[in-house]
Amino acid sequence: MQKGIAFQYAKPLLAAEVRRILPTCLGVPMELGFYTAAVAAAELNIQATVNPTLPEHPETLTLDQVMRSNLQVQAEARPSVALQTFAVIGVNTALIQAAVMAREKVHTALPGKLVVKADLPKGNVKMEVLPAAAVPDHIATVR
């Protein structure tokens, strides 16, 4: 953990799919559709520093050495979600294919940085929430 940990994760998913076919007075079926797809992603970087440095081999580490050290853990997270929605209404037959479609895109990103400092000999723990290094211009974008 002193060398740092970097973790990236992304998960695509189909959030909603609603389809409804309705008869009309003209005899052609009208289709209503609503589709929403999303991709959730997260990036996490963790860096820990210990002063005085602990031994490289964990077998030789004692509890007394840990209790006489100062710990500092920095974590930076950048979660984001991209959401795309389609609404479709139209006629889909062998003779007629006509539709009207509305589309919406939403992208949100909310970076954050957390620093925890522990002075174990004195028994002090301090937690700070700091602004992220790369702050986006917009937290949410709708198109």
C-alpha atoms as a PDB file:
ATOM      1  CA  MET A   1       0.000   0.000   0.000  1.00  0.00           C
ATOM      2  CA  GLN A   2       2.998   2.300   0.472  1.00  0.00           C
ATOM      3  CA  LYS A   3       3.782   1.963  -3.233  1.00  0.00           C
ATOM      4  CA  GLY A   4       0.206   2.964  -4.136  1.00  0.00           C
ATOM      5  CA  ILE A   5      -2.840   1.201  -5.464  1.00  0.00           C
ATOM      6  CA  ALA A   6      -4.686   2.161  -8.648  1.00  0.00           C
ATOM      7  CA  PHE A   7      -8.074   0.638  -9.467  1.00  0.00           C
ATOM      8  CA  GLN A   8     -10.338   1.228 -12.467  1.00  0.00           C
ATOM      9  CA  TYR A   9     -13.787  -0.259 -12.965  1.00  0.00           C
ATOM     10  CA  ALA A  10     -16.518   0.169 -15.571  1.00  0.00           C
ATOM     11  CA  LYS A  11     -19.900  -1.519 -15.754  1.00  0.00           C
ATOM     12  CA  PRO A  12     -22.282  -1.149 -18.715  1.00  0.00           C
ATOM     13  CA  LEU A  13     -25.946  -1.907 -18.181  1.00  0.00           C
ATOM     14  CA  LEU A  14     -29.328  -1.614 -19.836  1.00  0.00           C
ATOM     15  CA  ALA A  15     -31.268   0.318 -17.233  1.00  0.00           C
ATOM     16  CA  ALA A  16     -34.709   0.211 -18.868  1.00  0.00           C
ATOM     17  CA  GLU A  17     -36.383  -1.204 -21.945  1.00  0.00           C
ATOM     18  CA  VAL A  18     -40.109  -0.618 -22.320  1.00  0.00           C
ATOM     19  CA  ARG A  19     -41.953  -1.523 -25.518  1.00  0.00           C
ATOM     20  CA  ARG A  20     -45.647  -1.306 -26.119  1.00  0.00           C
ATOM     21  CA  ILE A  21     -47.506  -2.037 -29.369  1.00  0.00           C
ATOM     22  CA  LEU A  22     -50.945  -0.435 -29.611  1.00  0.00           C
ATOM     23  CA  PRO A  23     -53.627  -0.931 -32.253  1.00  0.00           C
ATOM     24  CA  THR A  24     -54.862   2.161 -34.063  1.00  0.00           C
ATOM     25  CA  CYS A  25     -58.143   2.938 -35.800  1.00  0.00           C
ATOM     26  CA  LEU A  26     -56.335   2.774 -39.173  1.00  0.00           C
ATOM     27  CA  GLY A  27     -55.457  -0.874 -38.634  1.00  0.00           C
ATOM     28  CA  VAL A  28     -51.673  -0.405 -38.391  1.00  0.00           C
ATOM     29  CA  PRO A  29     -49.883  -1.101 -35.118  1.00  0.00           C
ATOM     30  CA  MET A  30     -48.217   1.837 -33.378  1.00  0.00           C
ATOM     31  CA  GLU A  31     -45.095   1.041 -31.384  1.00  0.00           C
ATOM     32  CA  LEU A  32     -44.000   2.998 -28.324  1.00  0.00           C
ATOM     33  CA  GLY A  33     -40.476   2.343 -27.061  1.00  0.00           C
ATOM     34  CA  PHE A  34     -38.339   3.699 -24.244  1.00  0.00           C
ATOM     35  CA  TYR A  35     -34.730   2.570 -23.839  1.00  0.00           C
ATOM     36  CA  THR A  36     -32.110   3.673 -21.323  1.00  0.00           C
ATOM     37  CA  ALA A  37     -28.506   2.454 -21.273  1.00  0.00           C
ATOM     38  CA  ALA A  38     -25.816   3.494 -18.808  1.00  0.00           C
ATOM     39  CA  VAL A  39     -22.112   3.046 -18.183  1.00  0.00           C
ATOM     40  CA  ALA A  40     -20.884   3.530 -14.625  1.00  0.00           C
ATOM     41  CA  ALA A  41     -17.151   3.964 -14.138  1.00  0.00           C
ATOM     42  CA  ALA A  42     -14.871   4.612 -11.190  1.00  0.00           C
ATOM     43  CA  GLU A  43     -11.181   5.277 -10.820  1.00  0.00           C
ATOM     44  CA  LEU A  44      -9.518   5.035  -7.415  1.00  0.00           C
ATOM     45  CA  ASN A  45      -5.934   5.891  -6.439  1.00  0.00           C
ATOM     46  CA  ILE A  46      -4.642   5.218  -2.915  1.00  0.00           C
ATOM     47  CA  GLN A  47      -1.245   6.204  -1.555  1.00  0.00           C
ATOM     48  CA  ALA A  48      -0.048   5.535   1.996  1.00  0.00           C
ATOM     49  CA  THR A  49       3.028   6.908   3.738  1.00  0.00           C
ATOM     50  CA  VAL A  50       4.437   5.773   7.062  1.00  0.00           C
ATOM     51  CA  ASN A  51       7.004   7.718   9.066  1.00  0.00           C
ATOM     52  CA  PRO A  52       9.330   6.156  10.214  1.00  0.00           C
ATOM     53  CA  THR A  53       9.245   3.594   7.444  1.00  0.00           C
ATOM     54  CA  LEU A  54       8.212   0.075   8.359  1.00  0.00           C
ATOM     55  CA  PRO A  55      10.321  -2.980   7.465  1.00  0.00           C
ATOM     56  CA  GLU A  56       9.883  -4.469   3.989  1.00  0.00           C
ATOM     57  CA  HIS A  57       9.088  -7.947   5.304  1.00  0.00           C
ATOM     58  CA  PRO A  58       5.756  -8.087   7.166  1.00  0.00           C
ATOM     59  CA  GLU A  59       6.961 -11.116   9.191  1.00  0.00           C
ATOM     60  CA  THR A  60       9.389  -8.911  11.132  1.00  0.00           C
ATOM     61  CA  LEU A  61       6.807  -6.196  11.811  1.00  0.00           C
ATOM     62  CA  THR A  62       5.728  -5.790  15.413  1.00  0.00           C
ATOM     63  CA  LEU A  63       2.744  -3.963  16.885  1.00  0.00           C
ATOM     64  CA  ASP A  64       5.088  -1.704  18.835  1.00  0.00           C
ATOM     65  CA  GLN A  65       6.650  -0.464  15.564  1.00  0.00           C
ATOM     66  CA  VAL A  66       3.221   0.352  14.167  1.00  0.00           C
ATOM     67  CA  MET A  67       2.136   2.193  17.319  1.00  0.00           C
ATOM     68  CA  ARG A  68       5.264   4.423  17.162  1.00  0.00           C
ATOM     69  CA  SER A  69       4.637   5.565  13.588  1.00  0.00           C
ATOM     70  CA  ASN A  70       2.683   8.288  11.834  1.00  0.00           C
ATOM     71  CA  LEU A  71       0.348   7.152   9.057  1.00  0.00           C
ATOM     72  CA  GLN A  72      -0.989   9.198   6.159  1.00  0.00           C
ATOM     73  CA  VAL A  73      -3.400   7.747   3.579  1.00  0.00           C
ATOM     74  CA  GLN A  74      -4.437   9.740   0.508  1.00  0.00           C
ATOM     75  CA  ALA A  75      -7.329   8.482  -1.614  1.00  0.00           C
ATOM     76  CA  GLU A  76      -8.600  10.078  -4.802  1.00  0.00           C
ATOM     77  CA  ALA A  77     -11.799   8.817  -6.435  1.00  0.00           C
ATOM     78  CA  ARG A  78     -13.379   9.809  -9.737  1.00  0.00           C
ATOM     79  CA  PRO A  79     -16.784   8.143 -10.160  1.00  0.00           C
ATOM     80  CA  SER A  80     -18.800   8.936 -13.282  1.00  0.00           C
ATOM     81  CA  VAL A  81     -21.995   7.828 -15.010  1.00  0.00           C
ATOM     82  CA  ALA A  82     -22.920   8.216 -18.677  1.00  0.00           C
ATOM     83  CA  LEU A  83     -26.621   7.731 -19.399  1.00  0.00           C
ATOM     84  CA  GLN A  84     -28.306   7.626 -22.799  1.00  0.00           C
ATOM     85  CA  THR A  85     -32.084   7.501 -23.269  1.00  0.00           C
ATOM     86  CA  PHE A  86     -34.145   6.957 -26.431  1.00  0.00           C
ATOM     87  CA  ALA A  87     -37.910   7.430 -26.782  1.00  0.00           C
ATOM     88  CA  VAL A  88     -39.403   6.095 -30.024  1.00  0.00           C
ATOM     89  CA  ILE A  89     -42.952   6.260 -31.392  1.00  0.00           C
ATOM     90  CA  GLY A  90     -43.799   4.971 -34.818  1.00  0.00           C
ATOM     91  CA  VAL A  91     -45.348   2.475 -37.192  1.00  0.00           C
ATOM     92  CA  ASN A  92     -43.399  -0.599 -38.241  1.00  0.00           C
ATOM     93  CA  THR A  93     -45.150  -2.821 -40.798  1.00  0.00           C
ATOM     94  CA  ALA A  94     -44.079  -4.519 -44.003  1.00  0.00           C
ATOM     95  CA  LEU A  95     -45.442  -1.605 -46.061  1.00  0.00           C
ATOM     96  CA  ILE A  96     -44.812   1.401 -43.781  1.00  0.00           C
ATOM     97  CA  GLN A  97     -41.833   2.153 -41.570  1.00  0.00           C
ATOM     98  CA  ALA A  98     -42.031   5.565 -39.962  1.00  0.00           C
ATOM     99  CA  ALA A  99     -40.887   6.732 -36.539  1.00  0.00           C
ATOM    100  CA  VAL A 100     -40.080   9.759 -34.452  1.00  0.00           C
ATOM    101  CA  MET A 101     -37.225   9.477 -31.978  1.00  0.00           C
ATOM    102  CA  ALA A 102     -36.133  11.687 -29.080  1.00  0.00           C
ATOM    103  CA  ARG A 103     -32.676  11.223 -27.592  1.00  0.00           C
ATOM    104  CA  GLU A 104     -31.061  12.438 -24.366  1.00  0.00           C
ATOM    105  CA  LYS A 105     -27.500  12.091 -23.077  1.00  0.00           C
ATOM    106  CA  VAL A 106     -26.428  12.761 -19.493  1.00  0.00           C
ATOM    107  CA  HIS A 107     -22.873  12.555 -18.193  1.00  0.00           C
ATOM    108  CA  THR A 108     -22.027  13.122 -14.530  1.00  0.00           C
ATOM    109  CA  ALA A 109     -18.640  13.140 -12.834  1.00  0.00           C
ATOM    110  CA  LEU A 110     -17.960  13.913  -9.198  1.00  0.00           C
ATOM    111  CA  PRO A 111     -14.267  13.675  -8.245  1.00  0.00           C
ATOM    112  CA  GLY A 112     -13.147  13.741  -4.645  1.00  0.00           C
ATOM    113  CA  LYS A 113     -10.000  13.492  -2.553  1.00  0.00           C
ATOM    114  CA  LEU A 114      -9.671  12.300   1.037  1.00  0.00           C
ATOM    115  CA  VAL A 115      -6.610  12.492   3.296  1.00  0.00           C
ATOM    116  CA  VAL A 116      -6.436  10.684   6.646  1.00  0.00           C
ATOM    117  CA  LYS A 117      -3.525  11.419   8.982  1.00  0.00           C
ATOM    118  CA  ALA A 118      -2.985   9.340  12.114  1.00  0.00           C
ATOM    119  CA  ASP A 119      -0.383  10.288  14.727  1.00  0.00           C
ATOM    120  CA  LEU A 120      -0.479   7.028  16.672  1.00  0.00           C
ATOM    121  CA  PRO A 121       1.965   7.952  19.470  1.00  0.00           C
ATOM    122  CA  LYS A 122      -0.206  10.943  20.417  1.00  0.00           C
ATOM    123  CA  GLY A 123      -3.525   9.270  19.518  1.00  0.00           C
ATOM    124  CA  ASN A 124      -4.590  11.959  17.036  1.00  0.00           C
ATOM    125  CA  VAL A 125      -6.532  11.230  13.849  1.00  0.00           C
ATOM    126  CA  LYS A 126      -7.301  13.930  11.284  1.00  0.00           C
ATOM    127  CA  MET A 127      -9.517  13.516   8.213  1.00  0.00           C
ATOM    128  CA  GLU A 128      -9.580  16.101   5.417  1.00  0.00           C
ATOM    129  CA  VAL A 129     -11.802  16.245   2.343  1.00  0.00           C
ATOM    130  CA  LEU A 130      -9.889  18.167  -0.318  1.00  0.00           C
ATOM    131  CA  PRO A 131     -10.783  19.344  -3.812  1.00  0.00           C
ATOM    132  CA  ALA A 132      -9.700  16.937  -6.514  1.00  0.00           C
ATOM    133  CA  ALA A 133      -6.642  17.714  -8.626  1.00  0.00           C
ATOM    134  CA  ALA A 134      -8.531  17.627 -11.944  1.00  0.00           C
ATOM    135  CA  VAL A 135     -11.927  19.224 -11.404  1.00  0.00           C
ATOM    136  CA  PRO A 136     -14.208  19.041 -14.457  1.00  0.00           C
ATOM    137  CA  ASP A 137     -15.794  22.205 -15.873  1.00  0.00           C
ATOM    138  CA  HIS A 138     -19.274  20.731 -15.386  1.00  0.00           C
ATOM    139  CA  ILE A 139     -20.324  18.075 -12.876  1.00  0.00           C
ATOM    140  CA  ALA A 140     -23.332  17.150 -15.033  1.00  0.00           C
ATOM    141  CA  THR A 141     -23.778  17.618 -18.763  1.00  0.00           C
ATOM    142  CA  VAL A 142     -27.109  17.113 -20.543  1.00  0.00           C
ATOM    143  CA  ARG A 143     -27.372  17.008 -24.321  1.00  0.00           C
END
